[in-house]
N, C-alpha and C. Protein backbone atom coordinates (compact mmCIF):
# COMPACT_ATOMS: atom_id res chain seq x y z
N UNK A 1 17.44 28.93 21.35
CA UNK A 1 16.90 27.58 21.37
C UNK A 1 17.82 26.65 22.15
N UNK A 2 17.26 25.92 23.06
CA UNK A 2 18.05 25.04 23.91
C UNK A 2 18.61 23.89 22.97
N UNK A 3 19.73 23.29 23.44
CA UNK A 3 20.31 22.24 22.62
C UNK A 3 19.35 21.05 22.53
N UNK A 4 18.55 20.80 23.56
CA UNK A 4 17.57 19.73 23.45
C UNK A 4 16.56 19.94 22.35
N UNK A 5 16.06 21.17 22.23
CA UNK A 5 15.17 21.56 21.14
C UNK A 5 15.84 21.47 19.81
N UNK A 6 17.08 21.89 19.75
CA UNK A 6 17.89 21.82 18.48
C UNK A 6 18.00 20.36 18.07
N UNK A 7 18.26 19.47 19.04
CA UNK A 7 18.35 18.06 18.79
C UNK A 7 17.07 17.51 18.21
N UNK A 8 15.96 17.79 18.82
CA UNK A 8 14.62 17.34 18.38
C UNK A 8 14.38 17.85 16.94
N UNK A 9 14.67 19.17 16.74
CA UNK A 9 14.45 19.74 15.36
C UNK A 9 15.32 19.03 14.35
N UNK A 10 16.59 18.73 14.70
CA UNK A 10 17.48 18.03 13.75
C UNK A 10 16.98 16.68 13.45
N UNK A 11 16.52 15.92 14.44
CA UNK A 11 16.01 14.60 14.18
C UNK A 11 14.81 14.61 13.33
N UNK A 12 13.94 15.56 13.56
CA UNK A 12 12.72 15.67 12.71
C UNK A 12 13.08 16.01 11.28
N UNK A 13 14.04 16.91 11.09
CA UNK A 13 14.43 17.29 9.76
C UNK A 13 15.17 16.13 9.04
N UNK A 14 16.10 15.52 9.74
CA UNK A 14 16.85 14.46 9.13
C UNK A 14 16.01 13.21 8.94
N UNK A 15 15.05 12.96 9.78
CA UNK A 15 14.14 11.85 9.60
C UNK A 15 13.31 11.92 8.34
N UNK A 16 13.14 13.09 7.86
CA UNK A 16 12.38 13.28 6.58
C UNK A 16 13.25 13.21 5.37
N UNK A 17 14.58 12.90 5.47
CA UNK A 17 15.45 12.93 4.29
C UNK A 17 15.55 11.61 3.62
N UNK A 18 14.69 10.66 3.91
CA UNK A 18 14.71 9.39 3.28
C UNK A 18 14.51 9.48 1.80
N UNK A 19 14.86 8.48 1.05
CA UNK A 19 14.77 8.49 -0.40
C UNK A 19 13.51 7.76 -0.79
N UNK A 20 13.38 7.54 -2.14
CA UNK A 20 12.19 6.88 -2.63
C UNK A 20 12.08 5.43 -2.12
N UNK A 21 13.11 4.90 -1.40
CA UNK A 21 13.01 3.55 -0.87
C UNK A 21 11.86 3.38 0.12
N UNK A 22 11.32 4.53 0.59
CA UNK A 22 10.28 4.49 1.53
C UNK A 22 8.92 4.87 0.91
N UNK A 23 8.86 4.80 -0.46
CA UNK A 23 7.68 5.25 -1.15
C UNK A 23 6.54 4.27 -1.11
N UNK A 24 5.33 4.78 -1.05
CA UNK A 24 4.15 4.06 -1.33
C UNK A 24 3.72 4.35 -2.74
N UNK A 25 3.66 3.43 -3.56
CA UNK A 25 3.38 3.67 -4.96
C UNK A 25 1.87 3.76 -5.33
N UNK A 26 1.06 3.14 -4.49
CA UNK A 26 -0.38 3.10 -4.78
C UNK A 26 -1.04 4.35 -4.25
N UNK A 27 -1.85 5.00 -5.07
CA UNK A 27 -2.59 6.14 -4.64
C UNK A 27 -3.99 5.73 -4.23
N UNK A 28 -4.42 6.18 -3.04
CA UNK A 28 -5.76 5.90 -2.50
C UNK A 28 -5.97 4.39 -2.36
N UNK A 29 -4.96 3.74 -1.80
CA UNK A 29 -5.03 2.29 -1.53
C UNK A 29 -5.96 1.93 -0.38
N UNK A 30 -6.25 2.94 0.46
CA UNK A 30 -7.22 2.72 1.58
C UNK A 30 -8.60 3.28 1.25
N UNK A 31 -8.76 3.80 0.05
CA UNK A 31 -10.01 4.34 -0.46
C UNK A 31 -10.60 5.41 0.40
N UNK A 32 -9.68 6.10 1.12
CA UNK A 32 -10.10 7.14 2.09
C UNK A 32 -10.64 8.44 1.44
N UNK A 33 -10.50 8.54 0.10
CA UNK A 33 -11.17 9.70 -0.64
C UNK A 33 -12.63 9.46 -0.68
N UNK A 34 -13.10 8.26 -0.35
CA UNK A 34 -14.54 7.96 -0.43
C UNK A 34 -15.00 7.57 -1.83
N UNK A 35 -14.04 7.41 -2.73
CA UNK A 35 -14.32 6.94 -4.09
C UNK A 35 -13.16 6.20 -4.65
N UNK A 36 -13.16 5.90 -5.96
CA UNK A 36 -12.11 5.11 -6.57
C UNK A 36 -11.09 6.01 -7.23
N UNK A 37 -10.83 7.18 -6.70
CA UNK A 37 -9.81 8.06 -7.21
C UNK A 37 -8.46 7.33 -7.28
N UNK A 38 -7.76 7.49 -8.42
CA UNK A 38 -6.50 6.83 -8.61
C UNK A 38 -6.54 5.44 -9.24
N UNK A 39 -7.75 4.87 -9.25
CA UNK A 39 -7.95 3.52 -9.78
C UNK A 39 -8.65 3.67 -11.17
N UNK A 40 -8.35 2.72 -12.08
CA UNK A 40 -9.01 2.63 -13.38
C UNK A 40 -9.94 1.41 -13.30
N UNK A 41 -11.19 1.57 -13.68
CA UNK A 41 -12.16 0.44 -13.71
C UNK A 41 -12.31 -0.05 -15.13
N UNK A 42 -12.48 -1.38 -15.27
CA UNK A 42 -12.73 -1.97 -16.53
C UNK A 42 -13.46 -3.28 -16.33
N UNK A 43 -13.84 -3.94 -17.43
CA UNK A 43 -14.69 -5.18 -17.31
C UNK A 43 -16.05 -4.80 -16.83
N UNK A 44 -16.69 -5.68 -16.07
CA UNK A 44 -17.99 -5.42 -15.52
C UNK A 44 -17.86 -4.46 -14.26
N UNK A 45 -18.26 -3.23 -14.39
CA UNK A 45 -18.07 -2.28 -13.29
C UNK A 45 -19.31 -1.88 -12.56
N UNK A 46 -20.41 -2.55 -12.79
CA UNK A 46 -21.66 -2.19 -12.16
C UNK A 46 -21.58 -2.28 -10.63
N UNK A 47 -20.96 -3.27 -10.09
CA UNK A 47 -20.88 -3.40 -8.64
C UNK A 47 -19.51 -3.22 -8.10
N UNK A 48 -18.83 -2.13 -8.54
CA UNK A 48 -17.53 -1.76 -8.01
C UNK A 48 -17.68 -0.34 -7.42
N UNK A 49 -17.29 -0.16 -6.18
CA UNK A 49 -17.44 1.17 -5.57
C UNK A 49 -16.80 1.21 -4.22
N UNK A 50 -17.10 2.29 -3.45
CA UNK A 50 -16.53 2.53 -2.13
C UNK A 50 -17.66 2.94 -1.18
N UNK A 51 -17.56 2.41 0.04
CA UNK A 51 -18.57 2.73 1.09
C UNK A 51 -17.85 2.87 2.46
N UNK A 52 -18.42 3.64 3.34
CA UNK A 52 -17.97 3.62 4.71
C UNK A 52 -18.53 2.37 5.42
N UNK A 53 -17.80 1.95 6.47
CA UNK A 53 -18.32 0.85 7.28
C UNK A 53 -17.95 -0.53 6.82
N UNK A 54 -17.25 -0.66 5.65
CA UNK A 54 -16.85 -1.96 5.18
C UNK A 54 -15.34 -2.12 5.15
N UNK A 55 -14.67 -1.21 5.86
CA UNK A 55 -13.18 -1.09 5.81
C UNK A 55 -12.47 -2.11 6.68
N UNK A 56 -11.23 -2.33 6.34
CA UNK A 56 -10.31 -3.07 7.20
C UNK A 56 -9.71 -2.13 8.21
N UNK A 57 -9.37 -0.89 7.74
CA UNK A 57 -8.89 0.21 8.57
C UNK A 57 -9.38 1.49 7.98
N UNK A 58 -9.26 2.58 8.75
CA UNK A 58 -9.74 3.84 8.26
C UNK A 58 -11.27 3.91 8.31
N UNK A 59 -11.84 4.64 7.34
CA UNK A 59 -13.27 4.88 7.30
C UNK A 59 -13.94 4.21 6.14
N UNK A 60 -13.22 4.08 5.00
CA UNK A 60 -13.84 3.52 3.78
C UNK A 60 -13.19 2.23 3.33
N UNK A 61 -13.90 1.47 2.56
CA UNK A 61 -13.40 0.29 1.91
C UNK A 61 -14.01 0.15 0.56
N UNK A 62 -13.44 -0.59 -0.32
CA UNK A 62 -14.04 -0.84 -1.64
C UNK A 62 -14.87 -2.12 -1.60
N UNK A 63 -15.92 -2.13 -2.41
CA UNK A 63 -16.72 -3.39 -2.59
C UNK A 63 -16.59 -3.80 -4.03
N UNK A 64 -16.63 -5.07 -4.28
CA UNK A 64 -16.53 -5.61 -5.64
C UNK A 64 -17.43 -6.82 -5.70
N UNK A 65 -18.47 -6.74 -6.56
CA UNK A 65 -19.42 -7.84 -6.65
C UNK A 65 -19.93 -8.05 -8.04
N UNK A 66 -19.05 -7.93 -9.06
CA UNK A 66 -19.49 -8.21 -10.44
C UNK A 66 -20.19 -9.57 -10.55
N UNK A 67 -21.25 -9.67 -11.34
CA UNK A 67 -22.10 -10.81 -11.39
C UNK A 67 -21.85 -11.78 -12.58
N UNK A 68 -21.43 -11.20 -13.73
CA UNK A 68 -21.40 -12.00 -14.95
C UNK A 68 -20.01 -12.10 -15.57
N UNK A 69 -19.15 -11.18 -15.27
CA UNK A 69 -17.80 -11.14 -15.82
C UNK A 69 -16.87 -10.41 -14.84
N UNK A 70 -15.62 -10.61 -14.96
CA UNK A 70 -14.64 -10.02 -13.99
C UNK A 70 -14.77 -8.46 -14.03
N UNK A 71 -14.81 -7.87 -12.89
CA UNK A 71 -14.67 -6.42 -12.71
C UNK A 71 -13.28 -6.18 -12.31
N UNK A 72 -12.58 -5.18 -13.00
CA UNK A 72 -11.15 -4.96 -12.73
C UNK A 72 -10.90 -3.57 -12.19
N UNK A 73 -10.02 -3.46 -11.20
CA UNK A 73 -9.48 -2.27 -10.68
C UNK A 73 -8.01 -2.30 -10.95
N UNK A 74 -7.46 -1.28 -11.60
CA UNK A 74 -6.04 -1.29 -11.86
C UNK A 74 -5.38 0.10 -11.59
N UNK A 75 -4.14 0.10 -11.38
CA UNK A 75 -3.39 1.33 -11.16
C UNK A 75 -2.01 1.16 -11.76
N UNK A 76 -1.58 2.16 -12.48
CA UNK A 76 -0.22 2.13 -13.10
C UNK A 76 0.66 3.20 -12.37
N UNK A 77 1.92 2.89 -12.26
CA UNK A 77 2.86 3.85 -11.59
C UNK A 77 4.27 3.48 -12.03
N UNK A 78 5.19 4.35 -11.76
CA UNK A 78 6.63 4.14 -12.02
C UNK A 78 7.39 3.86 -10.74
N UNK A 79 8.27 2.94 -10.79
CA UNK A 79 9.20 2.64 -9.70
C UNK A 79 10.52 2.24 -10.36
N UNK A 80 11.64 2.42 -9.64
CA UNK A 80 12.94 2.12 -10.26
C UNK A 80 12.95 0.68 -10.81
N UNK A 81 13.44 0.60 -12.01
CA UNK A 81 13.50 -0.73 -12.65
C UNK A 81 14.39 -1.73 -11.86
N UNK A 82 13.93 -2.93 -11.68
CA UNK A 82 14.69 -3.92 -10.92
C UNK A 82 14.46 -3.91 -9.45
N UNK A 83 13.75 -2.84 -8.91
CA UNK A 83 13.47 -2.80 -7.50
C UNK A 83 12.56 -3.88 -7.04
N UNK A 84 12.83 -4.52 -5.93
CA UNK A 84 11.96 -5.54 -5.37
C UNK A 84 10.87 -4.87 -4.64
N UNK A 85 9.62 -5.22 -4.91
CA UNK A 85 8.46 -4.58 -4.28
C UNK A 85 7.57 -5.63 -3.60
N UNK A 86 6.86 -5.18 -2.60
CA UNK A 86 5.87 -5.99 -1.93
C UNK A 86 4.49 -5.47 -2.25
N UNK A 87 3.64 -6.32 -2.74
CA UNK A 87 2.26 -5.99 -3.07
C UNK A 87 1.41 -6.63 -1.96
N UNK A 88 0.64 -5.79 -1.21
CA UNK A 88 -0.26 -6.39 -0.22
C UNK A 88 -1.62 -5.71 -0.31
N UNK A 89 -2.61 -6.45 0.14
CA UNK A 89 -3.97 -5.92 0.23
C UNK A 89 -4.79 -6.80 1.18
N UNK A 90 -5.88 -6.24 1.78
CA UNK A 90 -6.72 -7.00 2.63
C UNK A 90 -8.06 -7.24 1.93
N UNK A 91 -8.60 -8.48 1.90
CA UNK A 91 -9.80 -8.88 1.18
C UNK A 91 -10.69 -9.67 2.11
N UNK A 92 -11.98 -9.35 2.07
CA UNK A 92 -12.99 -10.09 2.85
C UNK A 92 -14.03 -10.59 1.81
N UNK A 93 -14.37 -11.86 1.91
CA UNK A 93 -15.51 -12.36 1.12
C UNK A 93 -16.73 -12.24 2.03
N UNK A 94 -17.67 -11.38 1.64
CA UNK A 94 -18.82 -11.20 2.44
C UNK A 94 -19.79 -12.38 2.45
N UNK A 95 -19.72 -13.18 1.35
CA UNK A 95 -20.60 -14.33 1.33
C UNK A 95 -20.49 -15.07 0.01
N UNK A 96 -20.86 -16.29 -0.01
CA UNK A 96 -20.92 -17.12 -1.27
C UNK A 96 -19.57 -17.69 -1.59
N UNK A 97 -19.60 -18.84 -2.23
CA UNK A 97 -18.42 -19.57 -2.62
C UNK A 97 -18.22 -19.62 -4.12
N UNK A 98 -19.17 -19.15 -4.90
CA UNK A 98 -18.96 -19.11 -6.33
C UNK A 98 -18.37 -17.76 -6.71
N UNK A 99 -17.00 -17.68 -6.66
CA UNK A 99 -16.39 -16.40 -6.89
C UNK A 99 -15.01 -16.58 -7.50
N UNK A 100 -14.37 -15.44 -7.84
CA UNK A 100 -13.05 -15.47 -8.43
C UNK A 100 -12.28 -14.21 -8.07
N UNK A 101 -11.01 -14.37 -7.76
CA UNK A 101 -10.10 -13.25 -7.48
C UNK A 101 -8.92 -13.46 -8.39
N UNK A 102 -8.59 -12.43 -9.14
CA UNK A 102 -7.36 -12.44 -9.97
C UNK A 102 -6.46 -11.29 -9.52
N UNK A 103 -5.19 -11.58 -9.50
CA UNK A 103 -4.16 -10.56 -9.15
C UNK A 103 -3.17 -10.60 -10.28
N UNK A 104 -3.00 -9.49 -11.01
CA UNK A 104 -2.11 -9.38 -12.14
C UNK A 104 -1.05 -8.32 -11.94
N UNK A 105 0.20 -8.60 -12.28
CA UNK A 105 1.29 -7.60 -12.21
C UNK A 105 1.83 -7.46 -13.67
N UNK A 106 1.63 -6.32 -14.23
CA UNK A 106 2.04 -6.03 -15.57
C UNK A 106 1.48 -7.12 -16.54
N UNK A 107 0.24 -7.57 -16.33
CA UNK A 107 -0.40 -8.50 -17.19
C UNK A 107 -0.09 -9.98 -16.87
N UNK A 108 0.86 -10.22 -16.02
CA UNK A 108 1.22 -11.63 -15.55
C UNK A 108 0.42 -11.97 -14.31
N UNK A 109 -0.18 -13.13 -14.33
CA UNK A 109 -1.03 -13.59 -13.26
C UNK A 109 -0.18 -13.99 -12.03
N UNK A 110 -0.42 -13.32 -10.95
CA UNK A 110 0.21 -13.70 -9.61
C UNK A 110 -0.71 -14.67 -8.92
N UNK A 111 -2.04 -14.52 -9.06
CA UNK A 111 -2.96 -15.40 -8.40
C UNK A 111 -4.27 -15.44 -9.18
N UNK A 112 -4.86 -16.58 -9.19
CA UNK A 112 -6.22 -16.71 -9.78
C UNK A 112 -6.97 -17.77 -8.86
N UNK A 113 -7.61 -17.24 -7.85
CA UNK A 113 -8.33 -18.05 -6.87
C UNK A 113 -9.82 -18.12 -7.14
N UNK A 114 -10.38 -19.27 -6.98
CA UNK A 114 -11.82 -19.41 -7.13
C UNK A 114 -12.38 -20.04 -5.80
N UNK A 115 -13.64 -19.85 -5.66
CA UNK A 115 -14.42 -20.45 -4.55
C UNK A 115 -13.75 -20.10 -3.24
N UNK A 116 -13.47 -18.87 -2.97
CA UNK A 116 -12.91 -18.42 -1.69
C UNK A 116 -14.09 -18.44 -0.69
N UNK A 117 -13.91 -19.07 0.44
CA UNK A 117 -15.00 -19.19 1.40
C UNK A 117 -15.28 -17.80 2.04
N UNK A 118 -16.48 -17.62 2.49
CA UNK A 118 -16.84 -16.42 3.25
C UNK A 118 -16.00 -16.34 4.52
N UNK A 119 -15.66 -15.13 4.89
CA UNK A 119 -14.87 -15.00 6.18
C UNK A 119 -14.45 -13.54 6.36
N UNK A 120 -13.61 -13.39 7.43
CA UNK A 120 -13.10 -12.09 7.80
C UNK A 120 -12.02 -11.64 6.86
N UNK A 121 -11.60 -10.37 7.00
CA UNK A 121 -10.52 -9.85 6.20
C UNK A 121 -9.30 -10.75 6.31
N UNK A 122 -8.64 -10.94 5.17
CA UNK A 122 -7.44 -11.77 5.09
C UNK A 122 -6.41 -10.99 4.27
N UNK A 123 -5.16 -10.98 4.77
CA UNK A 123 -4.13 -10.26 3.99
C UNK A 123 -3.54 -11.16 2.93
N UNK A 124 -3.41 -10.56 1.70
CA UNK A 124 -2.77 -11.16 0.56
C UNK A 124 -1.47 -10.44 0.31
N UNK A 125 -0.39 -11.16 0.03
CA UNK A 125 0.92 -10.49 -0.15
C UNK A 125 1.69 -11.24 -1.28
N UNK A 126 2.31 -10.45 -2.12
CA UNK A 126 3.10 -10.95 -3.27
C UNK A 126 4.43 -10.21 -3.41
N UNK A 127 5.46 -10.86 -3.77
CA UNK A 127 6.73 -10.23 -4.02
C UNK A 127 6.87 -10.12 -5.58
N UNK A 128 7.23 -8.90 -6.02
CA UNK A 128 7.34 -8.62 -7.41
C UNK A 128 8.63 -7.80 -7.71
N UNK A 129 8.97 -7.73 -9.01
CA UNK A 129 10.09 -6.90 -9.43
C UNK A 129 9.58 -5.80 -10.37
N UNK A 130 10.00 -4.55 -10.10
CA UNK A 130 9.55 -3.42 -10.89
C UNK A 130 10.17 -3.52 -12.31
N UNK A 131 9.41 -3.20 -13.30
CA UNK A 131 9.88 -3.09 -14.64
C UNK A 131 10.12 -1.66 -15.02
N UNK A 132 9.98 -0.74 -14.06
CA UNK A 132 10.06 0.68 -14.34
C UNK A 132 8.70 1.25 -14.41
N UNK A 133 7.91 0.88 -15.38
CA UNK A 133 6.52 1.27 -15.52
C UNK A 133 5.70 0.00 -15.17
N UNK A 134 4.86 0.12 -14.18
CA UNK A 134 4.14 -1.06 -13.65
C UNK A 134 2.66 -0.87 -13.52
N UNK A 135 1.93 -1.99 -13.61
CA UNK A 135 0.45 -1.92 -13.43
C UNK A 135 0.04 -3.06 -12.55
N UNK A 136 -0.69 -2.74 -11.47
CA UNK A 136 -1.28 -3.73 -10.64
C UNK A 136 -2.79 -3.75 -10.98
N UNK A 137 -3.30 -5.00 -11.22
CA UNK A 137 -4.70 -5.15 -11.60
C UNK A 137 -5.31 -6.25 -10.68
N UNK A 138 -6.44 -5.91 -10.12
CA UNK A 138 -7.19 -6.78 -9.29
C UNK A 138 -8.50 -7.09 -9.95
N UNK A 139 -8.88 -8.37 -10.13
CA UNK A 139 -10.12 -8.77 -10.80
C UNK A 139 -11.03 -9.47 -9.84
N UNK A 140 -12.30 -9.22 -9.97
CA UNK A 140 -13.32 -9.76 -9.00
C UNK A 140 -14.50 -10.27 -9.76
N UNK A 141 -15.09 -11.38 -9.28
CA UNK A 141 -16.34 -11.96 -9.69
C UNK A 141 -16.91 -12.60 -8.43
N UNK A 142 -18.22 -12.21 -8.07
CA UNK A 142 -18.77 -12.78 -6.84
C UNK A 142 -20.29 -12.74 -6.85
N UNK A 143 -20.92 -13.49 -7.76
CA UNK A 143 -22.42 -13.46 -7.80
C UNK A 143 -22.92 -14.40 -6.65
N UNK A 144 -23.89 -14.00 -5.96
CA UNK A 144 -24.59 -12.76 -5.90
C UNK A 144 -24.11 -11.93 -4.69
N UNK A 145 -22.84 -12.03 -4.31
CA UNK A 145 -22.32 -11.35 -3.13
C UNK A 145 -21.26 -10.37 -3.48
N UNK A 146 -20.41 -10.02 -2.47
CA UNK A 146 -19.42 -9.00 -2.61
C UNK A 146 -18.12 -9.37 -1.91
N UNK A 147 -17.01 -8.95 -2.51
CA UNK A 147 -15.71 -8.82 -1.84
C UNK A 147 -15.58 -7.47 -1.26
N UNK A 148 -14.91 -7.34 -0.12
CA UNK A 148 -14.57 -6.02 0.41
C UNK A 148 -13.06 -5.96 0.31
N UNK A 149 -12.52 -4.85 -0.16
CA UNK A 149 -11.09 -4.62 -0.42
C UNK A 149 -10.64 -3.40 0.33
N UNK A 150 -9.42 -3.43 0.96
CA UNK A 150 -8.91 -2.29 1.62
C UNK A 150 -7.40 -2.44 1.79
N UNK A 151 -6.77 -1.30 2.07
CA UNK A 151 -5.30 -1.22 2.39
C UNK A 151 -4.45 -1.84 1.30
N UNK A 152 -4.67 -1.45 0.04
CA UNK A 152 -3.85 -1.93 -1.08
C UNK A 152 -2.58 -1.12 -1.04
N UNK A 153 -1.43 -1.83 -1.12
CA UNK A 153 -0.17 -1.17 -0.95
C UNK A 153 0.91 -1.81 -1.83
N UNK A 154 1.76 -0.98 -2.40
CA UNK A 154 2.96 -1.49 -3.11
C UNK A 154 4.09 -0.62 -2.60
N UNK A 155 5.03 -1.28 -1.91
CA UNK A 155 6.20 -0.56 -1.35
C UNK A 155 7.49 -1.37 -1.64
N UNK A 156 8.60 -0.70 -1.62
CA UNK A 156 9.88 -1.44 -1.76
C UNK A 156 10.01 -2.43 -0.64
N UNK A 157 10.60 -3.60 -0.92
CA UNK A 157 10.82 -4.62 0.11
C UNK A 157 11.74 -4.03 1.17
N UNK A 158 11.36 -4.17 2.43
CA UNK A 158 12.15 -3.64 3.50
C UNK A 158 12.02 -2.14 3.73
N UNK A 159 10.94 -1.57 3.20
CA UNK A 159 10.77 -0.11 3.30
C UNK A 159 10.69 0.39 4.72
N UNK A 160 10.29 -0.41 5.62
CA UNK A 160 10.14 0.05 6.99
C UNK A 160 11.45 0.18 7.75
N UNK A 161 12.55 -0.33 7.17
CA UNK A 161 13.86 -0.31 7.81
C UNK A 161 14.60 0.94 7.24
N UNK A 162 15.03 1.90 8.17
CA UNK A 162 15.79 3.02 7.68
C UNK A 162 17.02 2.60 6.92
N UNK A 163 17.34 3.37 5.88
CA UNK A 163 18.57 3.06 5.15
C UNK A 163 19.83 3.38 6.00
N UNK A 164 20.91 2.60 5.80
CA UNK A 164 22.16 2.79 6.55
C UNK A 164 22.63 4.28 6.52
N UNK A 165 22.55 4.95 5.37
CA UNK A 165 22.98 6.28 5.23
C UNK A 165 22.18 7.22 6.14
N UNK A 166 20.89 6.96 6.21
CA UNK A 166 20.09 7.79 7.11
C UNK A 166 20.40 7.60 8.54
N UNK A 167 20.65 6.36 8.93
CA UNK A 167 21.06 6.04 10.31
C UNK A 167 22.37 6.74 10.63
N UNK A 168 23.33 6.66 9.70
CA UNK A 168 24.65 7.31 9.88
C UNK A 168 24.49 8.83 10.10
N UNK A 169 23.70 9.44 9.28
CA UNK A 169 23.48 10.90 9.38
C UNK A 169 22.76 11.23 10.76
N UNK A 170 21.82 10.47 11.17
CA UNK A 170 21.19 10.69 12.42
C UNK A 170 22.15 10.50 13.55
N UNK A 171 22.98 9.42 13.49
CA UNK A 171 23.96 9.20 14.52
C UNK A 171 25.01 10.33 14.69
N UNK A 172 25.44 10.81 13.51
CA UNK A 172 26.40 11.92 13.52
C UNK A 172 25.78 13.20 14.07
N UNK A 173 24.53 13.42 13.70
CA UNK A 173 23.83 14.63 14.23
C UNK A 173 23.67 14.53 15.72
N UNK A 174 23.30 13.32 16.21
CA UNK A 174 23.08 13.13 17.62
C UNK A 174 24.40 13.43 18.41
N UNK A 175 25.48 12.84 17.91
CA UNK A 175 26.84 13.04 18.64
C UNK A 175 27.21 14.52 18.58
N UNK A 176 27.02 15.18 17.48
CA UNK A 176 27.33 16.60 17.34
C UNK A 176 26.47 17.48 18.24
N UNK A 177 25.27 17.17 18.36
CA UNK A 177 24.34 17.96 19.20
C UNK A 177 24.66 17.73 20.65
N UNK A 178 24.98 16.47 21.04
CA UNK A 178 25.36 16.19 22.42
C UNK A 178 26.69 16.93 22.80
N UNK A 179 27.61 16.95 21.84
CA UNK A 179 28.83 17.72 22.10
C UNK A 179 28.60 19.23 22.28
N UNK A 180 27.67 19.76 21.42
CA UNK A 180 27.32 21.18 21.53
C UNK A 180 26.62 21.44 22.86
N UNK A 181 25.78 20.54 23.27
CA UNK A 181 25.10 20.77 24.55
C UNK A 181 26.05 20.75 25.71
N UNK A 182 27.03 19.85 25.63
CA UNK A 182 28.01 19.76 26.72
C UNK A 182 28.87 21.03 26.80
N UNK A 183 29.26 21.58 25.59
CA UNK A 183 30.08 22.78 25.61
C UNK A 183 29.30 23.98 26.12
N UNK A 184 28.01 24.00 25.90
CA UNK A 184 27.20 25.09 26.40
C UNK A 184 27.06 25.08 27.94
N UNK A 185 27.20 23.95 28.55
CA UNK A 185 27.08 23.80 30.01
C UNK A 185 28.38 24.20 30.74
N UNK A 186 29.48 24.21 30.11
CA UNK A 186 30.78 24.48 30.72
C UNK A 186 30.94 25.96 30.94
């Protein structure tokens, strides 16, 4: 194997050594299973589901249009206690102004919005702290219309930035492989 190929293989292997700091805690946040797998439904669930063609990204999105009482989608998961997390999702109000959106983290209200105007997908984002065992709950009421929901995510704050230890390992591997390549040419 050439040293260049060895370098690429090492980078690919080391790039996958990240820790849970890069974890996505929500299962099926993009609803790409074509259903509500991973989510628990409660409240008024008649108009809660998943369809193709209503997505923010991918192929599927969730619709939520409970008429008489809040319809709830929730998901529970574990994350290191005290870890700072970012909760994000994309929501579109398909129509109507008599509506309600609730966002709960471990039963504590992060948002309770009413009369959201119709419009395109909008990103919602909240900073939270993990209690170890966590539950994200989204509540919807939208008679006689629907909200569209997609790309629900809970990740550690700064998850997109590689950890310093990972960068150090990659740098050391790069220097070592360059040295090996140079020795092979002599």
